[in-house]
Amino acid sequence: LGQCEISNSEWDAATHIGKLGVIVKSDYRNLGIG
């Protein structure tokens, strides 16, 4: 129904940072999944 990815930074000096992306199927939005 949805997914959330936290990817690594491409920079050596930023390994402490993660980049978030989240997707929830349209029929399941606004239900608390995100």
Full PDB file with SEQRES, HELIX, SHEET, SSBOND, CRYST1, ORIGX, SCALE, CONECT and MASTER records, all heavy atoms in Angstrom:
SEQRES   1 A   34  LEU GLY GLN CYS GLU ILE SER ASN SER GLU TRP ASP ALA          
SEQRES   2 A   34  ALA THR HIS ILE GLY LYS LEU GLY VAL ILE VAL LYS SER          
SEQRES   3 A   34  ASP TYR ARG ASN LEU GLY ILE GLY                              
HELIX    1 AA1 ASP A   12  ALA A   14  5                                   3    
HELIX    2 AA2 SER A   26  TYR A   28  5                                   3    
SHEET    1 AA1 2 GLY A   2  ASN A   8  0                                        
SHEET    2 AA1 2 GLY A  18  VAL A  24 -1                                        
CRYST1    1.000    1.000    1.000  90.00  90.00  90.00 P 1           1          
ORIGX1      1.000000  0.000000  0.000000        0.00000                         
ORIGX2      0.000000  1.000000  0.000000        0.00000                         
ORIGX3      0.000000  0.000000  1.000000        0.00000                         
SCALE1      1.000000  0.000000  0.000000        0.00000                         
SCALE2      0.000000  1.000000  0.000000        0.00000                         
SCALE3      0.000000  0.000000  1.000000        0.00000                         
ATOM      1  N   LEU A   1       0.813  -1.218   0.000  1.00  0.00           N  
ATOM      2  CA  LEU A   1       0.000   0.000   0.000  1.00  0.00           C  
ATOM      3  C   LEU A   1       0.839   1.258   0.000  1.00  0.00           C  
ATOM      4  O   LEU A   1       0.342   2.338  -0.327  1.00  0.00           O  
ATOM      5  CB  LEU A   1      -0.923   0.004   1.225  1.00  0.00           C  
ATOM      6  CG  LEU A   1      -1.785  -1.250   1.415  1.00  0.00           C  
ATOM      7  CD1 LEU A   1      -2.644  -1.101   2.650  1.00  0.00           C  
ATOM      8  CD2 LEU A   1      -2.622  -1.522   0.173  1.00  0.00           C  
ATOM      9  N   GLY A   2       2.102   1.135   0.358  1.00  0.00           N  
ATOM     10  CA  GLY A   2       2.977   2.303   0.379  1.00  0.00           C  
ATOM     11  C   GLY A   2       4.377   1.894   0.773  1.00  0.00           C  
ATOM     12  O   GLY A   2       4.614   0.766   1.218  1.00  0.00           O  
ATOM     13  N   GLN A   3       5.288   2.835   0.606  1.00  0.00           N  
ATOM     14  CA  GLN A   3       6.679   2.592   0.954  1.00  0.00           C  
ATOM     15  C   GLN A   3       7.376   3.895   1.318  1.00  0.00           C  
ATOM     16  O   GLN A   3       6.974   4.956   0.856  1.00  0.00           O  
ATOM     17  CB  GLN A   3       7.427   1.917  -0.201  1.00  0.00           C  
ATOM     18  CG  GLN A   3       7.495   2.728  -1.467  1.00  0.00           C  
ATOM     19  CD  GLN A   3       6.492   2.277  -2.527  1.00  0.00           C  
ATOM     20  OE1 GLN A   3       5.558   1.518  -2.275  1.00  0.00           O  
ATOM     21  NE2 GLN A   3       6.678   2.758  -3.738  1.00  0.00           N  
ATOM     22  N   CYS A   4       8.393   3.768   2.155  1.00  0.00           N  
ATOM     23  CA  CYS A   4       9.225   4.908   2.530  1.00  0.00           C  
ATOM     24  C   CYS A   4      10.669   4.461   2.464  1.00  0.00           C  
ATOM     25  O   CYS A   4      11.059   3.488   3.105  1.00  0.00           O  
ATOM     26  CB  CYS A   4       8.887   5.391   3.942  1.00  0.00           C  
ATOM     27  SG  CYS A   4       9.855   6.830   4.457  1.00  0.00           S  
ATOM     28  N   GLU A   5      11.437   5.173   1.675  1.00  0.00           N  
ATOM     29  CA  GLU A   5      12.857   4.865   1.522  1.00  0.00           C  
ATOM     30  C   GLU A   5      13.676   5.997   2.115  1.00  0.00           C  
ATOM     31  O   GLU A   5      13.346   7.174   1.945  1.00  0.00           O  
ATOM     32  CB  GLU A   5      13.200   4.696   0.038  1.00  0.00           C  
ATOM     33  CG  GLU A   5      14.638   4.336  -0.206  1.00  0.00           C  
ATOM     34  CD  GLU A   5      14.974   4.143  -1.677  1.00  0.00           C  
ATOM     35  OE1 GLU A   5      14.040   4.049  -2.504  1.00  0.00           O  
ATOM     36  OE2 GLU A   5      16.167   4.087  -1.992  1.00  0.00           O  
ATOM     37  N   ILE A   6      14.711   5.633   2.833  1.00  0.00           N  
ATOM     38  CA  ILE A   6      15.700   6.617   3.269  1.00  0.00           C  
ATOM     39  C   ILE A   6      17.024   6.184   2.681  1.00  0.00           C  
ATOM     40  O   ILE A   6      17.598   5.161   3.061  1.00  0.00           O  
ATOM     41  CB  ILE A   6      15.767   6.758   4.802  1.00  0.00           C  
ATOM     42  CG1 ILE A   6      14.417   7.277   5.311  1.00  0.00           C  
ATOM     43  CG2 ILE A   6      16.916   7.698   5.192  1.00  0.00           C  
ATOM     44  CD1 ILE A   6      14.349   7.585   6.779  1.00  0.00           C  
ATOM     45  N   SER A   7      17.465   6.956   1.697  1.00  0.00           N  
ATOM     46  CA  SER A   7      18.688   6.633   0.980  1.00  0.00           C  
ATOM     47  C   SER A   7      19.865   7.408   1.555  1.00  0.00           C  
ATOM     48  O   SER A   7      19.696   8.416   2.231  1.00  0.00           O  
ATOM     49  CB  SER A   7      18.524   6.908  -0.511  1.00  0.00           C  
ATOM     50  OG  SER A   7      18.114   8.234  -0.729  1.00  0.00           O  
ATOM     51  N   ASN A   8      21.049   6.912   1.263  1.00  0.00           N  
ATOM     52  CA  ASN A   8      22.269   7.552   1.735  1.00  0.00           C  
ATOM     53  C   ASN A   8      22.615   8.754   0.873  1.00  0.00           C  
ATOM     54  O   ASN A   8      22.265   8.808  -0.303  1.00  0.00           O  
ATOM     55  CB  ASN A   8      23.425   6.550   1.706  1.00  0.00           C  
ATOM     56  CG  ASN A   8      23.180   5.372   2.622  1.00  0.00           C  
ATOM     57  OD1 ASN A   8      22.637   5.512   3.714  1.00  0.00           O  
ATOM     58  ND2 ASN A   8      23.571   4.185   2.175  1.00  0.00           N  
ATOM     59  N   SER A   9      23.328   9.685   1.471  1.00  0.00           N  
ATOM     60  CA  SER A   9      23.835  10.837   0.731  1.00  0.00           C  
ATOM     61  C   SER A   9      24.939  10.376  -0.213  1.00  0.00           C  
ATOM     62  O   SER A   9      25.659   9.418   0.074  1.00  0.00           O  
ATOM     63  CB  SER A   9      24.399  11.879   1.705  1.00  0.00           C  
ATOM     64  OG  SER A   9      25.066  12.889   0.997  1.00  0.00           O  
ATOM     65  N   GLU A  10      25.081  11.068  -1.312  1.00  0.00           N  
ATOM     66  CA  GLU A  10      26.149  10.723  -2.247  1.00  0.00           C  
ATOM     67  C   GLU A  10      27.489  11.341  -1.841  1.00  0.00           C  
ATOM     68  O   GLU A  10      28.508  11.055  -2.443  1.00  0.00           O  
ATOM     69  CB  GLU A  10      25.781  11.158  -3.679  1.00  0.00           C  
ATOM     70  CG  GLU A  10      25.679  12.641  -3.876  1.00  0.00           C  
ATOM     71  CD  GLU A  10      24.290  13.220  -3.599  1.00  0.00           C  
ATOM     72  OE1 GLU A  10      23.453  12.570  -2.954  1.00  0.00           O  
ATOM     73  OE2 GLU A  10      24.051  14.349  -4.026  1.00  0.00           O  
ATOM     74  N   TRP A  11      27.507  12.158  -0.804  1.00  0.00           N  
ATOM     75  CA  TRP A  11      28.714  12.862  -0.387  1.00  0.00           C  
ATOM     76  C   TRP A  11      29.384  12.157   0.798  1.00  0.00           C  
ATOM     77  O   TRP A  11      28.722  11.779   1.760  1.00  0.00           O  
ATOM     78  CB  TRP A  11      28.395  14.302   0.003  1.00  0.00           C  
ATOM     79  CG  TRP A  11      27.735  15.048  -1.106  1.00  0.00           C  
ATOM     80  CD1 TRP A  11      26.432  15.437  -1.187  1.00  0.00           C  
ATOM     81  CD2 TRP A  11      28.343  15.488  -2.322  1.00  0.00           C  
ATOM     82  NE1 TRP A  11      26.186  16.078  -2.360  1.00  0.00           N  
ATOM     83  CE2 TRP A  11      27.354  16.140  -3.088  1.00  0.00           C  
ATOM     84  CE3 TRP A  11      29.632  15.394  -2.853  1.00  0.00           C  
ATOM     85  CZ2 TRP A  11      27.607  16.689  -4.336  1.00  0.00           C  
ATOM     86  CZ3 TRP A  11      29.878  15.949  -4.090  1.00  0.00           C  
ATOM     87  CH2 TRP A  11      28.876  16.580  -4.817  1.00  0.00           C  
ATOM     88  N   ASP A  12      30.706  12.001   0.738  1.00  0.00           N  
ATOM     89  CA  ASP A  12      31.466  11.338   1.804  1.00  0.00           C  
ATOM     90  C   ASP A  12      31.282  12.027   3.154  1.00  0.00           C  
ATOM     91  O   ASP A  12      31.228  11.367   4.188  1.00  0.00           O  
ATOM     92  CB  ASP A  12      32.962  11.306   1.464  1.00  0.00           C  
ATOM     93  CG  ASP A  12      33.269  10.454   0.251  1.00  0.00           C  
ATOM     94  OD1 ASP A  12      32.448   9.578  -0.083  1.00  0.00           O  
ATOM     95  OD2 ASP A  12      34.328  10.674  -0.370  1.00  0.00           O  
ATOM     96  N   ALA A  13      31.213  13.351   3.145  1.00  0.00           N  
ATOM     97  CA  ALA A  13      31.135  14.114   4.395  1.00  0.00           C  
ATOM     98  C   ALA A  13      29.696  14.244   4.908  1.00  0.00           C  
ATOM     99  O   ALA A  13      29.448  14.974   5.865  1.00  0.00           O  
ATOM    100  CB  ALA A  13      31.753  15.495   4.207  1.00  0.00           C  
ATOM    101  N   ALA A  14      28.758  13.521   4.296  1.00  0.00           N  
ATOM    102  CA  ALA A  14      27.359  13.614   4.713  1.00  0.00           C  
ATOM    103  C   ALA A  14      26.757  12.233   4.980  1.00  0.00           C  
ATOM    104  O   ALA A  14      25.571  12.025   4.781  1.00  0.00           O  
ATOM    105  CB  ALA A  14      26.556  14.358   3.650  1.00  0.00           C  
ATOM    106  N   THR A  15      27.575  11.321   5.471  1.00  0.00           N  
ATOM    107  CA  THR A  15      27.064   9.982   5.738  1.00  0.00           C  
ATOM    108  C   THR A  15      26.078   9.961   6.904  1.00  0.00           C  
ATOM    109  O   THR A  15      25.356   8.981   7.081  1.00  0.00           O  
ATOM    110  CB  THR A  15      28.211   8.984   6.023  1.00  0.00           C  
ATOM    111  OG1 THR A  15      28.964   9.463   7.141  1.00  0.00           O  
ATOM    112  CG2 THR A  15      29.107   8.829   4.802  1.00  0.00           C  
ATOM    113  N   HIS A  16      26.029  11.037   7.670  1.00  0.00           N  
ATOM    114  CA  HIS A  16      25.096  11.133   8.798  1.00  0.00           C  
ATOM    115  C   HIS A  16      23.696  11.571   8.353  1.00  0.00           C  
ATOM    116  O   HIS A  16      22.778  11.641   9.152  1.00  0.00           O  
ATOM    117  CB  HIS A  16      25.633  12.117   9.848  1.00  0.00           C  
ATOM    118  CG  HIS A  16      25.749  13.526   9.369  1.00  0.00           C  
ATOM    119  ND1 HIS A  16      26.670  13.921   8.412  1.00  0.00           N  
ATOM    120  CD2 HIS A  16      25.046  14.633   9.695  1.00  0.00           C  
ATOM    121  CE1 HIS A  16      26.532  15.216   8.186  1.00  0.00           C  
ATOM    122  NE2 HIS A  16      25.543  15.668   8.949  1.00  0.00           N  
ATOM    123  N   ILE A  17      23.536  11.814   7.061  1.00  0.00           N  
ATOM    124  CA  ILE A  17      22.270  12.319   6.516  1.00  0.00           C  
ATOM    125  C   ILE A  17      21.611  11.261   5.638  1.00  0.00           C  
ATOM    126  O   ILE A  17      22.264  10.593   4.843  1.00  0.00           O  
ATOM    127  CB  ILE A  17      22.514  13.602   5.687  1.00  0.00           C  
ATOM    128  CG1 ILE A  17      23.045  14.711   6.594  1.00  0.00           C  
ATOM    129  CG2 ILE A  17      21.237  14.042   4.972  1.00  0.00           C  
ATOM    130  CD1 ILE A  17      23.494  15.941   5.851  1.00  0.00           C  
ATOM    131  N   GLY A  18      20.299  11.137   5.783  1.00  0.00           N  
ATOM    132  CA  GLY A  18      19.509  10.267   4.917  1.00  0.00           C  
ATOM    133  C   GLY A  18      18.485  11.102   4.177  1.00  0.00           C  
ATOM    134  O   GLY A  18      17.980  12.091   4.703  1.00  0.00           O  
ATOM    135  N   LYS A  19      18.172  10.695   2.957  1.00  0.00           N  
ATOM    136  CA  LYS A  19      17.188  11.410   2.140  1.00  0.00           C  
ATOM    137  C   LYS A  19      15.922  10.576   2.041  1.00  0.00           C  
ATOM    138  O   LYS A  19      15.958   9.433   1.593  1.00  0.00           O  
ATOM    139  CB  LYS A  19      17.747  11.699   0.750  1.00  0.00           C  
ATOM    140  CG  LYS A  19      16.801  12.530  -0.078  1.00  0.00           C  
ATOM    141  CD  LYS A  19      17.420  12.991  -1.365  1.00  0.00           C  
ATOM    142  CE  LYS A  19      16.416  13.847  -2.113  1.00  0.00           C  
ATOM    143  NZ  LYS A  19      16.913  14.338  -3.354  1.00  0.00           N  
ATOM    144  N   LEU A  20      14.801  11.164   2.456  1.00  0.00           N  
ATOM    145  CA  LEU A  20      13.536  10.461   2.556  1.00  0.00           C  
ATOM    146  C   LEU A  20      12.671  10.652   1.317  1.00  0.00           C  
ATOM    147  O   LEU A  20      12.568  11.745   0.782  1.00  0.00           O  
ATOM    148  CB  LEU A  20      12.780  10.976   3.791  1.00  0.00           C  
ATOM    149  CG  LEU A  20      11.470  10.284   4.123  1.00  0.00           C  
ATOM    150  CD1 LEU A  20      11.327  10.179   5.640  1.00  0.00           C  
ATOM    151  CD2 LEU A  20      10.283  11.023   3.554  1.00  0.00           C  
ATOM    152  N   GLY A  21      12.041   9.567   0.906  1.00  0.00           N  
ATOM    153  CA  GLY A  21      11.011   9.585  -0.121  1.00  0.00           C  
ATOM    154  C   GLY A  21       9.898   8.657   0.321  1.00  0.00           C  
ATOM    155  O   GLY A  21      10.162   7.572   0.840  1.00  0.00           O  
ATOM    156  N   VAL A  22       8.660   9.073   0.157  1.00  0.00           N  
ATOM    157  CA  VAL A  22       7.535   8.254   0.605  1.00  0.00           C  
ATOM    158  C   VAL A  22       6.434   8.265  -0.446  1.00  0.00           C  
ATOM    159  O   VAL A  22       6.202   9.286  -1.101  1.00  0.00           O  
ATOM    160  CB  VAL A  22       7.002   8.717   1.987  1.00  0.00           C  
ATOM    161  CG1 VAL A  22       6.471  10.128   1.925  1.00  0.00           C  
ATOM    162  CG2 VAL A  22       5.968   7.760   2.545  1.00  0.00           C  
ATOM    163  N   ILE A  23       5.793   7.125  -0.620  1.00  0.00           N  
ATOM    164  CA  ILE A  23       4.687   6.975  -1.562  1.00  0.00           C  
ATOM    165  C   ILE A  23       3.602   6.140  -0.884  1.00  0.00           C  
ATOM    166  O   ILE A  23       3.905   5.124  -0.253  1.00  0.00           O  
ATOM    167  CB  ILE A  23       5.148   6.258  -2.850  1.00  0.00           C  
ATOM    168  CG1 ILE A  23       6.054   7.171  -3.668  1.00  0.00           C  
ATOM    169  CG2 ILE A  23       3.955   5.789  -3.681  1.00  0.00           C  
ATOM    170  CD1 ILE A  23       6.679   6.488  -4.871  1.00  0.00           C  
ATOM    171  N   VAL A  24       2.355   6.578  -1.024  1.00  0.00           N  
ATOM    172  CA  VAL A  24       1.208   5.795  -0.568  1.00  0.00           C  
ATOM    173  C   VAL A  24       0.232   5.726  -1.741  1.00  0.00           C  
ATOM    174  O   VAL A  24      -0.033   6.738  -2.399  1.00  0.00           O  
ATOM    175  CB  VAL A  24       0.534   6.435   0.674  1.00  0.00           C  
ATOM    176  CG1 VAL A  24      -0.716   5.655   1.063  1.00  0.00           C  
ATOM    177  CG2 VAL A  24       1.514   6.502   1.841  1.00  0.00           C  
ATOM    178  N   LYS A  25      -0.295   4.521  -1.991  1.00  0.00           N  
ATOM    179  CA  LYS A  25      -1.272   4.343  -3.074  1.00  0.00           C  
ATOM    180  C   LYS A  25      -2.419   5.329  -2.897  1.00  0.00           C  
ATOM    181  O   LYS A  25      -2.859   5.584  -1.780  1.00  0.00           O  
ATOM    182  CB  LYS A  25      -1.840   2.916  -3.051  1.00  0.00           C  
ATOM    183  CG  LYS A  25      -0.895   1.870  -3.527  1.00  0.00           C  
ATOM    184  CD  LYS A  25      -1.499   0.492  -3.381  1.00  0.00           C  
ATOM    185  CE  LYS A  25      -2.392   0.237  -4.552  1.00  0.00           C  
ATOM    186  NZ  LYS A  25      -2.422  -1.180  -4.953  1.00  0.00           N  
ATOM    187  N   SER A  26      -2.938   5.830  -3.996  1.00  0.00           N  
ATOM    188  CA  SER A  26      -3.969   6.872  -3.932  1.00  0.00           C  
ATOM    189  C   SER A  26      -5.185   6.456  -3.118  1.00  0.00           C  
ATOM    190  O   SER A  26      -5.740   7.262  -2.365  1.00  0.00           O  
ATOM    191  CB  SER A  26      -4.378   7.311  -5.343  1.00  0.00           C  
ATOM    192  OG  SER A  26      -4.895   6.219  -6.067  1.00  0.00           O  
ATOM    193  N   ASP A  27      -5.619   5.207  -3.204  1.00  0.00           N  
ATOM    194  CA  ASP A  27      -6.798   4.753  -2.458  1.00  0.00           C  
ATOM    195  C   ASP A  27      -6.551   4.640  -0.954  1.00  0.00           C  
ATOM    196  O   ASP A  27      -7.497   4.452  -0.191  1.00  0.00           O  
ATOM    197  CB  ASP A  27      -7.262   3.386  -2.967  1.00  0.00           C  
ATOM    198  CG  ASP A  27      -7.823   3.441  -4.373  1.00  0.00           C  
ATOM    199  OD1 ASP A  27      -8.107   4.554  -4.864  1.00  0.00           O  
ATOM    200  OD2 ASP A  27      -7.976   2.373  -4.992  1.00  0.00           O  
ATOM    201  N   TYR A  28      -5.295   4.739  -0.531  1.00  0.00           N  
ATOM    202  CA  TYR A  28      -4.955   4.562   0.886  1.00  0.00           C  
ATOM    203  C   TYR A  28      -4.334   5.811   1.515  1.00  0.00           C  
ATOM    204  O   TYR A  28      -3.763   5.735   2.603  1.00  0.00           O  
ATOM    205  CB  TYR A  28      -4.036   3.348   1.052  1.00  0.00           C  
ATOM    206  CG  TYR A  28      -4.813   2.062   0.952  1.00  0.00           C  
ATOM    207  CD1 TYR A  28      -5.053   1.467  -0.278  1.00  0.00           C  
ATOM    208  CD2 TYR A  28      -5.349   1.472   2.087  1.00  0.00           C  
ATOM    209  CE1 TYR A  28      -5.789   0.304  -0.378  1.00  0.00           C  
ATOM    210  CE2 TYR A  28      -6.094   0.301   2.003  1.00  0.00           C  
ATOM    211  CZ  TYR A  28      -6.312  -0.273   0.769  1.00  0.00           C  
ATOM    212  OH  TYR A  28      -7.058  -1.423   0.682  1.00  0.00           O  
ATOM    213  N   ARG A  29      -4.475   6.931   0.859  1.00  0.00           N  
ATOM    214  CA  ARG A  29      -3.963   8.184   1.435  1.00  0.00           C  
ATOM    215  C   ARG A  29      -4.929   8.709   2.495  1.00  0.00           C  
ATOM    216  O   ARG A  29      -6.111   8.393   2.480  1.00  0.00           O  
ATOM    217  CB  ARG A  29      -3.752   9.205   0.325  1.00  0.00           C  
ATOM    218  CG  ARG A  29      -2.645   8.783  -0.624  1.00  0.00           C  
ATOM    219  CD  ARG A  29      -2.440   9.756  -1.753  1.00  0.00           C  
ATOM    220  NE  ARG A  29      -1.503   9.162  -2.704  1.00  0.00           N  
ATOM    221  CZ  ARG A  29      -1.477   9.442  -3.997  1.00  0.00           C  
ATOM    222  NH1 ARG A  29      -2.312  10.325  -4.509  1.00  0.00           N  
ATOM    223  NH2 ARG A  29      -0.595   8.854  -4.782  1.00  0.00           N  
ATOM    224  N   ASN A  30      -4.396   9.499   3.402  1.00  0.00           N  
ATOM    225  CA  ASN A  30      -5.168  10.114   4.496  1.00  0.00           C  
ATOM    226  C   ASN A  30      -5.710   9.094   5.493  1.00  0.00           C  
ATOM    227  O   ASN A  30      -6.713   9.357   6.153  1.00  0.00           O  
ATOM    228  CB  ASN A  30      -6.323  10.974   3.954  1.00  0.00           C  
ATOM    229  CG  ASN A  30      -5.820  12.146   3.143  1.00  0.00           C  
ATOM    230  OD1 ASN A  30      -4.854  12.793   3.526  1.00  0.00           O  
ATOM    231  ND2 ASN A  30      -6.461  12.400   2.022  1.00  0.00           N  
ATOM    232  N   LEU A  31      -5.065   7.956   5.605  1.00  0.00           N  
ATOM    233  CA  LEU A  31      -5.504   6.927   6.550  1.00  0.00           C  
ATOM    234  C   LEU A  31      -4.466   6.655   7.642  1.00  0.00           C  
ATOM    235  O   LEU A  31      -4.659   5.773   8.476  1.00  0.00           O  
ATOM    236  CB  LEU A  31      -5.828   5.618   5.814  1.00  0.00           C  
ATOM    237  CG  LEU A  31      -6.962   5.681   4.787  1.00  0.00           C  
ATOM    238  CD1 LEU A  31      -7.093   4.356   4.046  1.00  0.00           C  
ATOM    239  CD2 LEU A  31      -8.276   6.053   5.460  1.00  0.00           C  
ATOM    240  N   GLY A  32      -3.349   7.375   7.616  1.00  0.00           N  
ATOM    241  CA  GLY A  32      -2.317   7.211   8.633  1.00  0.00           C  
ATOM    242  C   GLY A  32      -1.129   6.364   8.216  1.00  0.00           C  
ATOM    243  O   GLY A  32      -0.174   6.216   8.976  1.00  0.00           O  
ATOM    244  N   ILE A  33      -1.158   5.809   7.024  1.00  0.00           N  
ATOM    245  CA  ILE A  33      -0.073   4.946   6.574  1.00  0.00           C  
ATOM    246  C   ILE A  33       1.230   5.721   6.418  1.00  0.00           C  
ATOM    247  O   ILE A  33       2.292   5.262   6.854  1.00  0.00           O  
ATOM    248  CB  ILE A  33      -0.443   4.226   5.266  1.00  0.00           C  
ATOM    249  CG1 ILE A  33      -1.571   3.229   5.522  1.00  0.00           C  
ATOM    250  CG2 ILE A  33       0.768   3.526   4.658  1.00  0.00           C  
ATOM    251  CD1 ILE A  33      -2.143   2.592   4.277  1.00  0.00           C  
ATOM    252  N   GLY A  34       1.177   6.888   5.799  1.00  0.00           N  
ATOM    253  CA  GLY A  34       2.380   7.687   5.579  1.00  0.00           C  
ATOM    254  C   GLY A  34       3.109   7.988   6.871  1.00  0.00           C  
ATOM    255  O   GLY A  34       4.339   7.860   6.948  1.00  0.00           O  
TER     256      GLY A  34                                                      
MASTER        0    0    0    2    2    0    0    6  255    1    0    3          
END                                                                             
